[in-house]
């Protein structure tokens, strides 16, 4: 089973057990976080989207916090003696996906008909 979630302005495809680096979250290492903005849940040929995901959540545990590699910004104007160097390190939170759950009635009905 996999899901597509949205966090930090980006979309990620996740499965249980994945470790994922997302934009900085306000949570400490070891705390649980849940992502309610689930766009899609898929399992084999069966895909749930839209209203079927009204109460779908992806729960995860914060594994690590840190900062990424430095990105160097260098500007130069030729023949003007102008050189400017700046850098940026983006903060991230690494999360380990624990479970993908969909508690809506339509998903349970779809599971019952599939069996």
PDB file of N, CA and C in Angstrom:
ATOM      1  N   UNK A   1       0.841  -1.171   0.000  1.00  0.00           N
ATOM      2  CA  UNK A   1       0.000   0.000   0.000  1.00  0.00           C
ATOM      3  C   UNK A   1       0.893   1.243   0.000  1.00  0.00           C
ATOM      4  N   UNK A   2       0.516   2.221  -0.803  1.00  0.00           N
ATOM      5  CA  UNK A   2       1.262   3.466  -0.843  1.00  0.00           C
ATOM      6  C   UNK A   2       0.286   4.638  -0.808  1.00  0.00           C
ATOM      7  N   UNK A   3       0.806   5.818  -0.518  1.00  0.00           N
ATOM      8  CA  UNK A   3      -0.008   7.025  -0.470  1.00  0.00           C
ATOM      9  C   UNK A   3       0.802   8.184  -1.029  1.00  0.00           C
ATOM     10  N   UNK A   4       0.091   9.188  -1.507  1.00  0.00           N
ATOM     11  CA  UNK A   4       0.719  10.435  -1.920  1.00  0.00           C
ATOM     12  C   UNK A   4       0.222  11.502  -0.966  1.00  0.00           C
ATOM     13  N   UNK A   5       1.162  12.155  -0.271  1.00  0.00           N
ATOM     14  CA  UNK A   5       0.815  13.180   0.709  1.00  0.00           C
ATOM     15  C   UNK A   5       1.400  14.517   0.269  1.00  0.00           C
ATOM     16  N   UNK A   6       0.840  15.589   0.835  1.00  0.00           N
ATOM     17  CA  UNK A   6       1.356  16.923   0.554  1.00  0.00           C
ATOM     18  C   UNK A   6       1.763  17.563   1.874  1.00  0.00           C
ATOM     19  N   UNK A   7       3.017  18.036   1.931  1.00  0.00           N
ATOM     20  CA  UNK A   7       3.511  18.760   3.093  1.00  0.00           C
ATOM     21  C   UNK A   7       4.624  19.689   2.653  1.00  0.00           C
ATOM     22  N   UNK A   8       4.655  20.862   3.210  1.00  0.00           N
ATOM     23  CA  UNK A   8       5.698  21.822   2.880  1.00  0.00           C
ATOM     24  C   UNK A   8       5.660  22.289   1.436  1.00  0.00           C
ATOM     25  N   UNK A   9       4.475  22.254   0.805  1.00  0.00           N
ATOM     26  CA  UNK A   9       4.350  22.698  -0.569  1.00  0.00           C
ATOM     27  C   UNK A   9       4.815  21.682  -1.597  1.00  0.00           C
ATOM     28  N   UNK A  10       5.147  20.478  -1.157  1.00  0.00           N
ATOM     29  CA  UNK A  10       5.610  19.434  -2.070  1.00  0.00           C
ATOM     30  C   UNK A  10       4.763  18.181  -1.872  1.00  0.00           C
ATOM     31  N   UNK A  11       4.787  17.302  -2.867  1.00  0.00           N
ATOM     32  CA  UNK A  11       4.060  16.048  -2.790  1.00  0.00           C
ATOM     33  C   UNK A  11       5.061  14.896  -2.741  1.00  0.00           C
ATOM     34  N   UNK A  12       4.753  13.898  -1.918  1.00  0.00           N
ATOM     35  CA  UNK A  12       5.653  12.759  -1.736  1.00  0.00           C
ATOM     36  C   UNK A  12       4.861  11.462  -1.853  1.00  0.00           C
ATOM     37  N   UNK A  13       5.479  10.444  -2.482  1.00  0.00           N
ATOM     38  CA  UNK A  13       4.908   9.100  -2.538  1.00  0.00           C
ATOM     39  C   UNK A  13       5.562   8.311  -1.412  1.00  0.00           C
ATOM     40  N   UNK A  14       4.751   7.776  -0.492  1.00  0.00           N
ATOM     41  CA  UNK A  14       5.285   7.102   0.684  1.00  0.00           C
ATOM     42  C   UNK A  14       4.682   5.709   0.829  1.00  0.00           C
ATOM     43  N   UNK A  15       5.451   4.844   1.477  1.00  0.00           N
ATOM     44  CA  UNK A  15       5.004   3.513   1.875  1.00  0.00           C
ATOM     45  C   UNK A  15       5.392   3.322   3.328  1.00  0.00           C
ATOM     46  N   UNK A  16       4.813   2.330   3.966  1.00  0.00           N
ATOM     47  CA  UNK A  16       5.160   2.048   5.356  1.00  0.00           C
ATOM     48  C   UNK A  16       6.628   1.648   5.436  1.00  0.00           C
ATOM     49  N   UNK A  17       7.340   2.241   6.390  1.00  0.00           N
ATOM     50  CA  UNK A  17       8.751   1.941   6.586  1.00  0.00           C
ATOM     51  C   UNK A  17       9.691   2.908   5.883  1.00  0.00           C
ATOM     52  N   UNK A  18       9.178   3.761   4.996  1.00  0.00           N
ATOM     53  CA  UNK A  18      10.031   4.735   4.295  1.00  0.00           C
ATOM     54  C   UNK A  18      10.539   5.800   5.259  1.00  0.00           C
ATOM     55  N   UNK A  19      11.767   6.263   5.004  1.00  0.00           N
ATOM     56  CA  UNK A  19      12.307   7.424   5.713  1.00  0.00           C
ATOM     57  C   UNK A  19      12.349   8.553   4.701  1.00  0.00           C
ATOM     58  N   UNK A  20      11.758   9.673   5.066  1.00  0.00           N
ATOM     59  CA  UNK A  20      11.508  10.753   4.128  1.00  0.00           C
ATOM     60  C   UNK A  20      11.993  12.075   4.709  1.00  0.00           C
ATOM     61  N   UNK A  21      12.689  12.874   3.909  1.00  0.00           N
ATOM     62  CA  UNK A  21      13.112  14.211   4.326  1.00  0.00           C
ATOM     63  C   UNK A  21      12.104  15.227   3.818  1.00  0.00           C
ATOM     64  N   UNK A  22      11.467  15.934   4.745  1.00  0.00           N
ATOM     65  CA  UNK A  22      10.472  16.943   4.389  1.00  0.00           C
ATOM     66  C   UNK A  22      10.924  18.296   4.939  1.00  0.00           C
ATOM     67  N   UNK A  23      10.201  19.345   4.568  1.00  0.00           N
ATOM     68  CA  UNK A  23      10.480  20.671   5.109  1.00  0.00           C
ATOM     69  C   UNK A  23      10.371  20.625   6.631  1.00  0.00           C
ATOM     70  N   UNK A  24      11.041  21.515   7.298  1.00  0.00           N
ATOM     71  CA  UNK A  24      11.112  21.544   8.766  1.00  0.00           C
ATOM     72  C   UNK A  24       9.717  21.534   9.387  1.00  0.00           C
ATOM     73  N   UNK A  25       9.490  20.601  10.316  1.00  0.00           N
ATOM     74  CA  UNK A  25       8.236  20.492  11.054  1.00  0.00           C
ATOM     75  C   UNK A  25       8.455  20.902  12.496  1.00  0.00           C
ATOM     76  N   UNK A  26       7.414  21.383  13.138  1.00  0.00           N
ATOM     77  CA  UNK A  26       7.499  21.779  14.547  1.00  0.00           C
ATOM     78  C   UNK A  26       7.241  20.563  15.428  1.00  0.00           C
ATOM     79  N   UNK A  27       8.179  19.636  15.464  1.00  0.00           N
ATOM     80  CA  UNK A  27       8.075  18.439  16.286  1.00  0.00           C
ATOM     81  C   UNK A  27       9.479  18.015  16.697  1.00  0.00           C
ATOM     82  N   UNK A  28       9.575  17.418  17.857  1.00  0.00           N
ATOM     83  CA  UNK A  28      10.866  16.974  18.367  1.00  0.00           C
ATOM     84  C   UNK A  28      11.145  15.541  17.914  1.00  0.00           C
ATOM     85  N   UNK A  29      12.412  15.149  17.963  1.00  0.00           N
ATOM     86  CA  UNK A  29      12.814  13.799  17.567  1.00  0.00           C
ATOM     87  C   UNK A  29      12.130  12.786  18.482  1.00  0.00           C
ATOM     88  N   UNK A  30      11.509  11.783  17.893  1.00  0.00           N
ATOM     89  CA  UNK A  30      10.800  10.751  18.648  1.00  0.00           C
ATOM     90  C   UNK A  30       9.304  10.986  18.737  1.00  0.00           C
ATOM     91  N   UNK A  31       8.847  12.197  18.468  1.00  0.00           N
ATOM     92  CA  UNK A  31       7.409  12.494  18.517  1.00  0.00           C
ATOM     93  C   UNK A  31       6.710  11.956  17.278  1.00  0.00           C
ATOM     94  N   UNK A  32       5.409  11.701  17.438  1.00  0.00           N
ATOM     95  CA  UNK A  32       4.603  11.247  16.304  1.00  0.00           C
ATOM     96  C   UNK A  32       3.988  12.460  15.610  1.00  0.00           C
ATOM     97  N   UNK A  33       3.921  12.379  14.299  1.00  0.00           N
ATOM     98  CA  UNK A  33       3.239  13.395  13.502  1.00  0.00           C
ATOM     99  C   UNK A  33       2.295  12.673  12.558  1.00  0.00           C
ATOM    100  N   UNK A  34       1.234  13.371  12.156  1.00  0.00           N
ATOM    101  CA  UNK A  34       0.321  12.769  11.183  1.00  0.00           C
ATOM    102  C   UNK A  34       0.077  13.772  10.071  1.00  0.00           C
ATOM    103  N   UNK A  35      -0.017  13.245   8.871  1.00  0.00           N
ATOM    104  CA  UNK A  35      -0.267  14.051   7.688  1.00  0.00           C
ATOM    105  C   UNK A  35      -1.703  13.790   7.250  1.00  0.00           C
ATOM    106  N   UNK A  36      -2.559  14.811   7.342  1.00  0.00           N
ATOM    107  CA  UNK A  36      -3.962  14.661   6.970  1.00  0.00           C
ATOM    108  C   UNK A  36      -4.213  15.007   5.505  1.00  0.00           C
ATOM    109  N   UNK A  37      -3.261  15.668   4.871  1.00  0.00           N
ATOM    110  CA  UNK A  37      -3.442  16.080   3.478  1.00  0.00           C
ATOM    111  C   UNK A  37      -3.003  14.934   2.554  1.00  0.00           C
ATOM    112  N   UNK A  38      -3.829  13.891   2.493  1.00  0.00           N
ATOM    113  CA  UNK A  38      -3.553  12.709   1.674  1.00  0.00           C
ATOM    114  C   UNK A  38      -4.273  12.884   0.341  1.00  0.00           C
ATOM    115  N   UNK A  39      -3.533  12.794  -0.751  1.00  0.00           N
ATOM    116  CA  UNK A  39      -4.100  13.012  -2.080  1.00  0.00           C
ATOM    117  C   UNK A  39      -4.538  11.730  -2.765  1.00  0.00           C
ATOM    118  N   UNK A  40      -3.877  10.611  -2.443  1.00  0.00           N
ATOM    119  CA  UNK A  40      -4.163   9.358  -3.129  1.00  0.00           C
ATOM    120  C   UNK A  40      -3.703   8.203  -2.255  1.00  0.00           C
ATOM    121  N   UNK A  41      -4.461   7.124  -2.271  1.00  0.00           N
ATOM    122  CA  UNK A  41      -4.032   5.872  -1.639  1.00  0.00           C
ATOM    123  C   UNK A  41      -4.196   4.779  -2.682  1.00  0.00           C
ATOM    124  N   UNK A  42      -3.141   4.004  -2.873  1.00  0.00           N
ATOM    125  CA  UNK A  42      -3.181   2.938  -3.851  1.00  0.00           C
ATOM    126  C   UNK A  42      -2.713   1.624  -3.273  1.00  0.00           C
ATOM    127  N   UNK A  43      -3.380   0.554  -3.722  1.00  0.00           N
ATOM    128  CA  UNK A  43      -2.984  -0.791  -3.321  1.00  0.00           C
ATOM    129  C   UNK A  43      -3.252  -1.707  -4.499  1.00  0.00           C
ATOM    130  N   UNK A  44      -2.177  -2.042  -5.211  1.00  0.00           N
ATOM    131  CA  UNK A  44      -2.332  -2.844  -6.408  1.00  0.00           C
ATOM    132  C   UNK A  44      -3.063  -2.072  -7.485  1.00  0.00           C
ATOM    133  N   UNK A  45      -4.156  -2.638  -7.989  1.00  0.00           N
ATOM    134  CA  UNK A  45      -4.954  -1.978  -9.026  1.00  0.00           C
ATOM    135  C   UNK A  45      -5.974  -1.005  -8.444  1.00  0.00           C
ATOM    136  N   UNK A  46      -6.227  -1.089  -7.128  1.00  0.00           N
ATOM    137  CA  UNK A  46      -7.250  -0.260  -6.492  1.00  0.00           C
ATOM    138  C   UNK A  46      -6.645   1.082  -6.068  1.00  0.00           C
ATOM    139  N   UNK A  47      -7.260   2.183  -6.526  1.00  0.00           N
ATOM    140  CA  UNK A  47      -6.775   3.523  -6.199  1.00  0.00           C
ATOM    141  C   UNK A  47      -7.929   4.338  -5.645  1.00  0.00           C
ATOM    142  N   UNK A  48      -7.692   5.018  -4.526  1.00  0.00           N
ATOM    143  CA  UNK A  48      -8.695   5.876  -3.910  1.00  0.00           C
ATOM    144  C   UNK A  48      -8.240   7.323  -4.018  1.00  0.00           C
ATOM    145  N   UNK A  49      -9.116   8.205  -4.496  1.00  0.00           N
ATOM    146  CA  UNK A  49      -8.825   9.636  -4.598  1.00  0.00           C
ATOM    147  C   UNK A  49     -10.076  10.423  -4.234  1.00  0.00           C
ATOM    148  N   UNK A  50      -9.914  11.721  -4.021  1.00  0.00           N
ATOM    149  CA  UNK A  50     -11.040  12.629  -3.828  1.00  0.00           C
ATOM    150  C   UNK A  50     -11.807  12.391  -2.548  1.00  0.00           C
ATOM    151  N   UNK A  51     -13.139  12.271  -2.665  1.00  0.00           N
ATOM    152  CA  UNK A  51     -14.017  12.156  -1.497  1.00  0.00           C
ATOM    153  C   UNK A  51     -13.786  10.863  -0.726  1.00  0.00           C
ATOM    154  N   UNK A  52     -13.217   9.855  -1.359  1.00  0.00           N
ATOM    155  CA  UNK A  52     -12.939   8.595  -0.661  1.00  0.00           C
ATOM    156  C   UNK A  52     -11.883   8.763   0.428  1.00  0.00           C
ATOM    157  N   UNK A  53     -11.138   9.870   0.397  1.00  0.00           N
ATOM    158  CA  UNK A  53     -10.044  10.084   1.341  1.00  0.00           C
ATOM    159  C   UNK A  53     -10.370  11.141   2.381  1.00  0.00           C
ATOM    160  N   UNK A  54     -11.630  11.304   2.726  1.00  0.00           N
ATOM    161  CA  UNK A  54     -12.035  12.369   3.643  1.00  0.00           C
ATOM    162  C   UNK A  54     -11.331  12.274   4.994  1.00  0.00           C
ATOM    163  N   UNK A  55     -11.125  11.073   5.495  1.00  0.00           N
ATOM    164  CA  UNK A  55     -10.506  10.913   6.820  1.00  0.00           C
ATOM    165  C   UNK A  55      -9.215  10.109   6.770  1.00  0.00           C
ATOM    166  N   UNK A  56      -8.559  10.112   5.639  1.00  0.00           N
ATOM    167  CA  UNK A  56      -7.315   9.351   5.498  1.00  0.00           C
ATOM    168  C   UNK A  56      -6.168  10.097   6.176  1.00  0.00           C
ATOM    169  N   UNK A  57      -5.308   9.348   6.839  1.00  0.00           N
ATOM    170  CA  UNK A  57      -4.142   9.940   7.492  1.00  0.00           C
ATOM    171  C   UNK A  57      -2.931   9.039   7.278  1.00  0.00           C
ATOM    172  N   UNK A  58      -1.775   9.659   7.305  1.00  0.00           N
ATOM    173  CA  UNK A  58      -0.506   8.945   7.280  1.00  0.00           C
ATOM    174  C   UNK A  58       0.218   9.336   8.550  1.00  0.00           C
ATOM    175  N   UNK A  59       0.547   8.360   9.382  1.00  0.00           N
ATOM    176  CA  UNK A  59       1.232   8.667  10.634  1.00  0.00           C
ATOM    177  C   UNK A  59       2.708   8.308  10.522  1.00  0.00           C
ATOM    178  N   UNK A  60       3.528   9.126  11.184  1.00  0.00           N
ATOM    179  CA  UNK A  60       4.978   8.959  11.093  1.00  0.00           C
ATOM    180  C   UNK A  60       5.614   9.361  12.423  1.00  0.00           C
ATOM    181  N   UNK A  61       6.879   8.973  12.576  1.00  0.00           N
ATOM    182  CA  UNK A  61       7.673   9.337  13.751  1.00  0.00           C
ATOM    183  C   UNK A  61       8.858  10.153  13.267  1.00  0.00           C
ATOM    184  N   UNK A  62       9.148  11.246  13.976  1.00  0.00           N
ATOM    185  CA  UNK A  62      10.284  12.090  13.614  1.00  0.00           C
ATOM    186  C   UNK A  62      11.563  11.344  13.951  1.00  0.00           C
ATOM    187  N   UNK A  63      12.379  11.092  12.933  1.00  0.00           N
ATOM    188  CA  UNK A  63      13.610  10.331  13.121  1.00  0.00           C
ATOM    189  C   UNK A  63      14.813  11.246  13.335  1.00  0.00           C
ATOM    190  N   UNK A  64      14.820  12.411  12.680  1.00  0.00           N
ATOM    191  CA  UNK A  64      16.004  13.254  12.712  1.00  0.00           C
ATOM    192  C   UNK A  64      15.630  14.660  12.269  1.00  0.00           C
ATOM    193  N   UNK A  65      16.388  15.635  12.761  1.00  0.00           N
ATOM    194  CA  UNK A  65      16.291  17.009  12.276  1.00  0.00           C
ATOM    195  C   UNK A  65      17.680  17.453  11.889  1.00  0.00           C
ATOM    196  N   UNK A  66      17.772  18.294  10.886  1.00  0.00           N
ATOM    197  CA  UNK A  66      19.091  18.747  10.482  1.00  0.00           C
ATOM    198  C   UNK A  66      19.009  19.795   9.398  1.00  0.00           C
ATOM    199  N   UNK A  67      20.160  20.026   8.776  1.00  0.00           N
ATOM    200  CA  UNK A  67      20.246  20.982   7.690  1.00  0.00           C
ATOM    201  C   UNK A  67      20.955  20.320   6.521  1.00  0.00           C
ATOM    202  N   UNK A  68      20.499  20.639   5.328  1.00  0.00           N
ATOM    203  CA  UNK A  68      21.037  20.021   4.122  1.00  0.00           C
ATOM    204  C   UNK A  68      22.385  20.587   3.739  1.00  0.00           C
ATOM    205  N   UNK A  69      22.877  20.140   2.599  1.00  0.00           N
ATOM    206  CA  UNK A  69      24.151  20.622   2.087  1.00  0.00           C
ATOM    207  C   UNK A  69      24.034  22.084   1.690  1.00  0.00           C
ATOM    208  N   UNK A  70      25.150  22.791   1.738  1.00  0.00           N
ATOM    209  CA  UNK A  70      25.147  24.205   1.408  1.00  0.00           C
ATOM    210  C   UNK A  70      25.020  24.408  -0.096  1.00  0.00           C
ATOM    211  N   UNK A  71      24.145  25.327  -0.463  1.00  0.00           N
ATOM    212  CA  UNK A  71      23.989  25.746  -1.850  1.00  0.00           C
ATOM    213  C   UNK A  71      24.690  27.095  -1.966  1.00  0.00           C
ATOM    214  N   UNK A  72      25.647  27.208  -2.882  1.00  0.00           N
ATOM    215  CA  UNK A  72      26.422  28.440  -3.040  1.00  0.00           C
ATOM    216  C   UNK A  72      25.830  29.256  -4.173  1.00  0.00           C
ATOM    217  N   UNK A  73      25.563  30.532  -3.878  1.00  0.00           N
ATOM    218  CA  UNK A  73      25.067  31.470  -4.875  1.00  0.00           C
ATOM    219  C   UNK A  73      26.197  32.440  -5.185  1.00  0.00           C
ATOM    220  N   UNK A  74      26.640  32.488  -6.429  1.00  0.00           N
ATOM    221  CA  UNK A  74      27.745  33.356  -6.830  1.00  0.00           C
ATOM    222  C   UNK A  74      27.276  34.266  -7.947  1.00  0.00           C
ATOM    223  N   UNK A  75      27.450  35.572  -7.734  1.00  0.00           N
ATOM    224  CA  UNK A  75      27.075  36.560  -8.750  1.00  0.00           C
ATOM    225  C   UNK A  75      28.317  37.320  -9.169  1.00  0.00           C
ATOM    226  N   UNK A  76      28.402  37.647 -10.452  1.00  0.00           N
ATOM    227  CA  UNK A  76      29.548  38.393 -10.953  1.00  0.00           C
ATOM    228  C   UNK A  76      29.118  39.254 -12.124  1.00  0.00           C
ATOM    229  N   UNK A  77      29.626  40.481 -12.149  1.00  0.00           N
ATOM    230  CA  UNK A  77      29.461  41.369 -13.302  1.00  0.00           C
ATOM    231  C   UNK A  77      30.847  41.556 -13.900  1.00  0.00           C
ATOM    232  N   UNK A  78      31.020  41.138 -15.110  1.00  0.00           N
ATOM    233  CA  UNK A  78      32.347  41.218 -15.705  1.00  0.00           C
ATOM    234  C   UNK A  78      32.768  42.678 -15.905  1.00  0.00           C
ATOM    235  N   UNK A  79      34.027  42.896 -15.727  1.00  0.00           N
ATOM    236  CA  UNK A  79      34.686  44.198 -15.884  1.00  0.00           C
ATOM    237  C   UNK A  79      34.183  45.271 -14.921  1.00  0.00           C
ATOM    238  N   UNK A  80      33.439  44.918 -13.888  1.00  0.00           N
ATOM    239  CA  UNK A  80      32.911  45.909 -12.947  1.00  0.00           C
ATOM    240  C   UNK A  80      33.456  45.703 -11.531  1.00  0.00           C
ATOM    241  N   UNK A  81      34.340  44.721 -11.358  1.00  0.00           N
ATOM    242  CA  UNK A  81      34.896  44.397 -10.039  1.00  0.00           C
ATOM    243  C   UNK A  81      33.779  44.096  -9.029  1.00  0.00           C
ATOM    244  N   UNK A  82      32.772  43.341  -9.474  1.00  0.00           N
ATOM    245  CA  UNK A  82      31.641  42.989  -8.626  1.00  0.00           C
ATOM    246  C   UNK A  82      31.567  41.468  -8.515  1.00  0.00           C
ATOM    247  N   UNK A  83      31.759  40.989  -7.318  1.00  0.00           N
ATOM    248  CA  UNK A  83      31.618  39.565  -7.029  1.00  0.00           C
ATOM    249  C   UNK A  83      30.884  39.439  -5.702  1.00  0.00           C
ATOM    250  N   UNK A  84      29.901  38.551  -5.663  1.00  0.00           N
ATOM    251  CA  UNK A  84      29.111  38.366  -4.460  1.00  0.00           C
ATOM    252  C   UNK A  84      28.894  36.871  -4.266  1.00  0.00           C
ATOM    253  N   UNK A  85      29.216  36.369  -3.102  1.00  0.00           N
ATOM    254  CA  UNK A  85      29.020  34.964  -2.776  1.00  0.00           C
ATOM    255  C   UNK A  85      28.112  34.871  -1.562  1.00  0.00           C
ATOM    256  N   UNK A  86      27.050  34.101  -1.705  1.00  0.00           N
ATOM    257  CA  UNK A  86      26.131  33.850  -0.600  1.00  0.00           C
ATOM    258  C   UNK A  86      25.908  32.348  -0.522  1.00  0.00           C
ATOM    259  N   UNK A  87      25.425  31.881   0.613  1.00  0.00           N
ATOM    260  CA  UNK A  87      25.134  30.469   0.777  1.00  0.00           C
ATOM    261  C   UNK A  87      23.810  30.272   1.489  1.00  0.00           C
ATOM    262  N   UNK A  88      23.270  29.060   1.365  1.00  0.00           N
ATOM    263  CA  UNK A  88      21.997  28.732   2.001  1.00  0.00           C
ATOM    264  C   UNK A  88      21.991  27.254   2.360  1.00  0.00           C
ATOM    265  N   UNK A  89      21.538  26.956   3.571  1.00  0.00           N
ATOM    266  CA  UNK A  89      21.337  25.565   3.990  1.00  0.00           C
ATOM    267  C   UNK A  89      19.899  25.411   4.432  1.00  0.00           C
ATOM    268  N   UNK A  90      19.163  24.541   3.767  1.00  0.00           N
ATOM    269  CA  UNK A  90      17.750  24.342   4.070  1.00  0.00           C
ATOM    270  C   UNK A  90      17.594  23.371   5.236  1.00  0.00           C
ATOM    271  N   UNK A  91      16.753  23.731   6.203  1.00  0.00           N
ATOM    272  CA  UNK A  91      16.463  22.848   7.332  1.00  0.00           C
ATOM    273  C   UNK A  91      15.490  21.758   6.887  1.00  0.00           C
ATOM    274  N   UNK A  92      15.628  20.572   7.468  1.00  0.00           N
ATOM    275  CA  UNK A  92      14.735  19.461   7.123  1.00  0.00           C
ATOM    276  C   UNK A  92      14.389  18.673   8.372  1.00  0.00           C
ATOM    277  N   UNK A  93      13.343  17.881   8.247  1.00  0.00           N
ATOM    278  CA  UNK A  93      12.946  16.923   9.269  1.00  0.00           C
ATOM    279  C   UNK A  93      12.811  15.578   8.576  1.00  0.00           C
ATOM    280  N   UNK A  94      13.511  14.578   9.061  1.00  0.00           N
ATOM    281  CA  UNK A  94      13.400  13.224   8.505  1.00  0.00           C
ATOM    282  C   UNK A  94      12.339  12.475   9.313  1.00  0.00           C
ATOM    283  N   UNK A  95      11.362  11.898   8.623  1.00  0.00           N
ATOM    284  CA  UNK A  95      10.297  11.152   9.280  1.00  0.00           C
ATOM    285  C   UNK A  95      10.260   9.723   8.756  1.00  0.00           C
ATOM    286  N   UNK A  96       9.910   8.787   9.636  1.00  0.00           N
ATOM    287  CA  UNK A  96       9.750   7.382   9.262  1.00  0.00           C
ATOM    288  C   UNK A  96       8.256   7.080   9.233  1.00  0.00           C
ATOM    289  N   UNK A  97       7.757   6.659   8.097  1.00  0.00           N
ATOM    290  CA  UNK A  97       6.328   6.397   7.917  1.00  0.00           C
ATOM    291  C   UNK A  97       5.976   5.102   8.648  1.00  0.00           C
ATOM    292  N   UNK A  98       4.967   5.185   9.541  1.00  0.00           N
ATOM    293  CA  UNK A  98       4.558   4.010  10.304  1.00  0.00           C
ATOM    294  C   UNK A  98       3.305   3.351   9.746  1.00  0.00           C
ATOM    295  N   UNK A  99       2.287   4.153   9.422  1.00  0.00           N
ATOM    296  CA  UNK A  99       1.058   3.535   8.937  1.00  0.00           C
ATOM    297  C   UNK A  99       0.305   4.476   8.013  1.00  0.00           C
ATOM    298  N   UNK A 100      -0.462   3.871   7.125  1.00  0.00           N
ATOM    299  CA  UNK A 100      -1.340   4.583   6.211  1.00  0.00           C
ATOM    300  C   UNK A 100      -2.740   4.064   6.504  1.00  0.00           C
ATOM    301  N   UNK A 101      -3.643   4.956   6.917  1.00  0.00           N
ATOM    302  CA  UNK A 101      -4.988   4.498   7.275  1.00  0.00           C
ATOM    303  C   UNK A 101      -6.039   5.346   6.587  1.00  0.00           C
ATOM    304  N   UNK A 102      -7.124   4.684   6.218  1.00  0.00           N
ATOM    305  CA  UNK A 102      -8.269   5.347   5.620  1.00  0.00           C
ATOM    306  C   UNK A 102      -9.495   4.853   6.361  1.00  0.00           C
ATOM    307  N   UNK A 103     -10.145   5.710   7.135  1.00  0.00           N
ATOM    308  CA  UNK A 103     -11.266   5.290   7.965  1.00  0.00           C
ATOM    309  C   UNK A 103     -12.615   5.688   7.390  1.00  0.00           C
ATOM    310  N   UNK A 104     -12.661   6.118   6.141  1.00  0.00           N
ATOM    311  CA  UNK A 104     -13.943   6.522   5.553  1.00  0.00           C
ATOM    312  C   UNK A 104     -14.794   5.296   5.260  1.00  0.00           C
ATOM    313  N   UNK A 105     -16.108   5.485   5.269  1.00  0.00           N
ATOM    314  CA  UNK A 105     -17.047   4.372   5.054  1.00  0.00           C
ATOM    315  C   UNK A 105     -16.968   3.848   3.624  1.00  0.00           C
ATOM    316  N   UNK A 106     -16.707   4.717   2.661  1.00  0.00           N
ATOM    317  CA  UNK A 106     -16.657   4.251   1.271  1.00  0.00           C
ATOM    318  C   UNK A 106     -15.461   3.346   1.035  1.00  0.00           C
ATOM    319  N   UNK A 107     -14.361   3.612   1.725  1.00  0.00           N
ATOM    320  CA  UNK A 107     -13.189   2.758   1.564  1.00  0.00           C
ATOM    321  C   UNK A 107     -13.453   1.380   2.169  1.00  0.00           C
ATOM    322  N   UNK A 108     -14.142   1.344   3.310  1.00  0.00           N
ATOM    323  CA  UNK A 108     -14.455   0.061   3.920  1.00  0.00           C
ATOM    324  C   UNK A 108     -15.446  -0.719   3.054  1.00  0.00           C
ATOM    325  N   UNK A 109     -16.377   0.002   2.423  1.00  0.00           N
ATOM    326  CA  UNK A 109     -17.333  -0.649   1.538  1.00  0.00           C
ATOM    327  C   UNK A 109     -16.615  -1.197   0.299  1.00  0.00           C
ATOM    328  N   UNK A 110     -15.653  -0.446  -0.223  1.00  0.00           N
ATOM    329  CA  UNK A 110     -14.888  -0.886  -1.385  1.00  0.00           C
ATOM    330  C   UNK A 110     -14.050  -2.122  -1.047  1.00  0.00           C
ATOM    331  N   UNK A 111     -13.492  -2.157   0.174  1.00  0.00           N
ATOM    332  CA  UNK A 111     -12.727  -3.325   0.600  1.00  0.00           C
ATOM    333  C   UNK A 111     -13.628  -4.557   0.694  1.00  0.00           C
ATOM    334  N   UNK A 112     -14.852  -4.373   1.198  1.00  0.00           N
ATOM    335  CA  UNK A 112     -15.766  -5.504   1.367  1.00  0.00           C
ATOM    336  C   UNK A 112     -16.194  -6.058   0.008  1.00  0.00           C
ATOM    337  N   UNK A 113     -16.414  -5.190  -0.963  1.00  0.00           N
ATOM    338  CA  UNK A 113     -16.830  -5.660  -2.289  1.00  0.00           C
ATOM    339  C   UNK A 113     -15.688  -6.293  -3.051  1.00  0.00           C
ATOM    340  N   UNK A 114     -14.450  -5.874  -2.769  1.00  0.00           N
ATOM    341  CA  UNK A 114     -13.289  -6.430  -3.473  1.00  0.00           C
ATOM    342  C   UNK A 114     -13.007  -7.854  -3.033  1.00  0.00           C
ATOM    343  N   UNK A 115     -13.396  -8.204  -1.823  1.00  0.00           N
ATOM    344  CA  UNK A 115     -13.111  -9.544  -1.298  1.00  0.00           C
ATOM    345  C   UNK A 115     -14.144 -10.508  -1.673  1.00  0.00           C
TER     346      UNK A 115
END
